[in-house]
Amino acid sequence: MDLDIKITERTISKLSFVPEGVPSIYGISPIYVLLINNQIAITTNSNMFIVFKENYKGKYASFKDFLRDALLQKISFTLKEVSVNSYVDSFSLNKKVEKKYKSESFVEFQKSYCHSSSNSLCLDKEQTNPDELASVLYFLFINNYQIREDDVIGTICFTDW
């Protein structure tokens, strides 16, 4: 894929910190990695840590180096490879959302799908059909937004990492 991924080194540092014996505070935050079939997998840093330990520890000096390449899409995976610890969903980019992302400024793209709420952006569910949702979330993620889902009130909001 030829997308400009804007995930920062600060974000990679946060996501790559996996304390021994204690779950990461970002352990359930969704992250997105490229699959070899050009689909996108929705996974977590905790899951990718297991992928690193089982398949990439000898190829990378650290989990941080591995995660950087994974998040910046310098490496791709099979769905089976990233599904070692849990169910991992995958999807193809929605063509309509991808076209909008590539043709508009990022600010305009955000306005198409989100509204401001206190210190974050929240998804406009009325503006986003289910077929578009995963792609919208992916494009926000590669622009350095953390996705926070609230199952109780049913909102999806985004903050800068």
Protein backbone atom coordinates (compact mmCIF):
# COMPACT_ATOMS: atom_id res chain seq x y z
CA MET A 1 0.00 0.00 0.00
CA ASP A 2 1.25 3.46 -0.76
CA LEU A 3 -0.08 5.40 2.22
CA ASP A 4 1.75 7.99 4.27
CA ILE A 5 1.63 6.47 7.76
CA LYS A 6 2.01 9.11 10.45
CA ILE A 7 2.45 6.94 13.53
CA THR A 8 5.03 8.69 15.68
CA GLU A 9 8.04 7.32 17.50
CA ARG A 10 6.34 8.35 20.76
CA THR A 11 3.36 6.14 19.92
CA ILE A 12 5.62 3.24 19.00
CA SER A 13 7.46 3.64 22.32
CA LYS A 14 4.20 3.58 24.27
CA LEU A 15 2.87 0.54 22.43
CA SER A 16 6.13 -1.37 22.64
CA PHE A 17 6.40 -1.07 26.43
CA VAL A 18 5.23 -4.44 27.70
CA PRO A 19 6.03 -4.82 31.40
CA GLU A 20 7.03 -8.29 32.59
CA GLY A 21 4.11 -10.09 34.25
CA VAL A 22 1.76 -7.10 34.07
CA PRO A 23 -0.61 -6.31 31.21
CA SER A 24 0.22 -3.23 29.14
CA ILE A 25 -2.14 -0.31 29.63
CA TYR A 26 -2.45 -0.31 25.83
CA GLY A 27 -2.91 -4.08 25.68
CA ILE A 28 -6.48 -3.92 24.37
CA SER A 29 -6.17 -0.82 22.20
CA PRO A 30 -6.67 -1.86 18.59
CA ILE A 31 -3.70 -1.58 16.26
CA TYR A 32 -3.59 -2.33 12.56
CA VAL A 33 -1.03 -4.35 10.60
CA LEU A 34 -0.76 -5.24 6.94
CA LEU A 35 -1.44 -8.78 5.76
CA ILE A 36 0.36 -10.31 2.79
CA ASN A 37 -2.89 -10.31 0.79
CA ASN A 38 -3.12 -6.49 1.21
CA GLN A 39 -5.87 -6.80 3.77
CA ILE A 40 -5.57 -5.11 7.15
CA ALA A 41 -5.63 -7.05 10.44
CA ILE A 42 -7.04 -5.57 13.64
CA THR A 43 -4.97 -6.81 16.55
CA THR A 44 -3.35 -5.56 19.79
CA ASN A 45 0.18 -4.85 20.95
CA SER A 46 -0.15 -7.74 23.43
CA ASN A 47 -0.91 -10.11 20.59
CA MET A 48 1.91 -8.68 18.46
CA PHE A 49 4.30 -9.21 21.39
CA ILE A 50 3.52 -12.93 21.21
CA VAL A 51 4.02 -12.87 17.41
CA PHE A 52 7.40 -11.18 18.02
CA LYS A 53 8.51 -13.71 20.65
CA GLU A 54 7.44 -16.73 18.59
CA ASN A 55 8.54 -15.66 15.10
CA TYR A 56 10.68 -12.52 15.01
CA LYS A 57 12.83 -12.36 18.16
CA GLY A 58 15.94 -13.47 16.26
CA LYS A 59 15.27 -11.08 13.38
CA TYR A 60 14.83 -7.88 15.44
CA ALA A 61 16.92 -6.49 18.29
CA SER A 62 13.80 -5.49 20.24
CA PHE A 63 10.03 -5.62 20.27
CA LYS A 64 10.04 -1.88 19.61
CA ASP A 65 12.00 -2.34 16.36
CA PHE A 66 9.64 -5.11 15.28
CA LEU A 67 6.51 -3.16 16.18
CA ARG A 68 7.81 -0.07 14.35
CA ASP A 69 8.19 -2.07 11.13
CA ALA A 70 4.79 -3.71 11.62
CA LEU A 71 2.94 -0.43 12.25
CA LEU A 72 4.73 1.39 9.44
CA GLN A 73 3.83 -1.54 7.14
CA LYS A 74 7.42 -2.43 6.32
CA ILE A 75 6.53 -6.06 7.02
CA SER A 76 3.34 -7.97 6.33
CA PHE A 77 1.90 -11.07 7.93
CA THR A 78 -0.45 -13.95 7.27
CA LEU A 79 -3.72 -13.88 9.16
CA LYS A 80 -2.77 -17.18 10.81
CA GLU A 81 0.53 -15.67 11.99
CA VAL A 82 -1.14 -12.74 13.79
CA SER A 83 -3.96 -14.91 15.18
CA VAL A 84 -1.71 -16.88 17.56
CA ASN A 85 -3.22 -15.67 20.81
CA SER A 86 -6.76 -14.65 19.92
CA TYR A 87 -9.26 -14.14 17.16
CA VAL A 88 -8.03 -11.43 14.78
CA ASP A 89 -10.38 -9.78 12.32
CA SER A 90 -9.25 -8.59 8.91
CA PHE A 91 -10.77 -6.45 6.18
CA SER A 92 -10.10 -4.86 2.83
CA LEU A 93 -10.16 -1.10 2.64
CA ASN A 94 -13.52 0.28 1.61
CA LYS A 95 -12.97 1.89 -1.82
CA LYS A 96 -15.25 4.85 -1.11
CA VAL A 97 -13.51 5.66 2.18
CA GLU A 98 -10.07 5.14 0.65
CA LYS A 99 -10.89 7.48 -2.24
CA LYS A 100 -12.16 10.14 0.18
CA TYR A 101 -9.03 9.77 2.34
CA LYS A 102 -6.69 10.13 -0.64
CA SER A 103 -8.54 13.03 -2.28
CA GLU A 104 -9.33 15.25 0.73
CA SER A 105 -7.22 16.86 3.41
CA PHE A 106 -7.11 14.85 6.61
CA VAL A 107 -9.11 17.59 8.38
CA GLU A 108 -11.87 17.26 5.77
CA PHE A 109 -11.76 13.48 6.07
CA GLN A 110 -12.19 13.79 9.86
CA LYS A 111 -15.14 16.15 9.43
CA SER A 112 -16.83 13.64 7.14
CA TYR A 113 -16.88 10.92 9.79
CA CYS A 114 -16.28 12.51 13.21
CA HIS A 115 -17.33 15.30 15.53
CA SER A 116 -15.41 16.98 18.36
CA SER A 117 -16.26 16.02 21.92
CA SER A 118 -14.26 17.55 24.81
CA ASN A 119 -10.60 16.58 24.17
CA SER A 120 -11.22 13.99 21.47
CA LEU A 121 -12.93 13.15 18.23
CA CYS A 122 -15.91 10.82 18.22
CA LEU A 123 -17.28 8.79 15.37
CA ASP A 124 -20.53 10.00 13.80
CA LYS A 125 -22.26 6.64 13.59
CA GLU A 126 -25.05 8.12 11.49
CA GLN A 127 -22.46 9.15 8.87
CA THR A 128 -20.65 5.81 8.81
CA ASN A 129 -22.20 2.59 7.60
CA PRO A 130 -20.84 -0.75 8.88
CA ASP A 131 -19.00 -1.45 5.61
CA GLU A 132 -17.02 1.77 6.03
CA LEU A 133 -16.34 1.62 9.76
CA ALA A 134 -13.15 -0.50 9.78
CA SER A 135 -11.58 1.63 7.04
CA VAL A 136 -12.39 4.91 8.81
CA LEU A 137 -10.87 3.57 12.04
CA TYR A 138 -7.78 2.38 10.16
CA PHE A 139 -7.20 5.78 8.53
CA LEU A 140 -7.52 7.51 11.90
CA PHE A 141 -5.08 5.02 13.42
CA ILE A 142 -2.39 5.54 10.76
CA ASN A 143 -2.70 9.27 11.47
CA ASN A 144 -1.64 8.62 15.06
CA TYR A 145 -5.03 8.41 16.76
CA GLN A 146 -5.76 5.97 19.57
CA ILE A 147 -9.15 4.32 19.23
CA ARG A 148 -11.22 4.10 22.42
CA GLU A 149 -14.48 2.16 22.34
CA ASP A 150 -17.03 2.60 25.10
CA ASP A 151 -19.24 -0.48 25.11
CA VAL A 152 -21.50 0.95 27.80
CA ILE A 153 -22.72 4.01 25.90
CA GLY A 154 -21.74 2.72 22.46
CA THR A 155 -19.32 5.41 21.33
CA ILE A 156 -16.02 5.24 19.52
CA CYS A 157 -13.68 8.15 20.21
CA PHE A 158 -10.15 9.00 19.20
CA THR A 159 -7.32 10.80 20.93
CA ASP A 160 -3.79 11.55 19.88
CA TRP A 161 -1.45 9.01 21.47
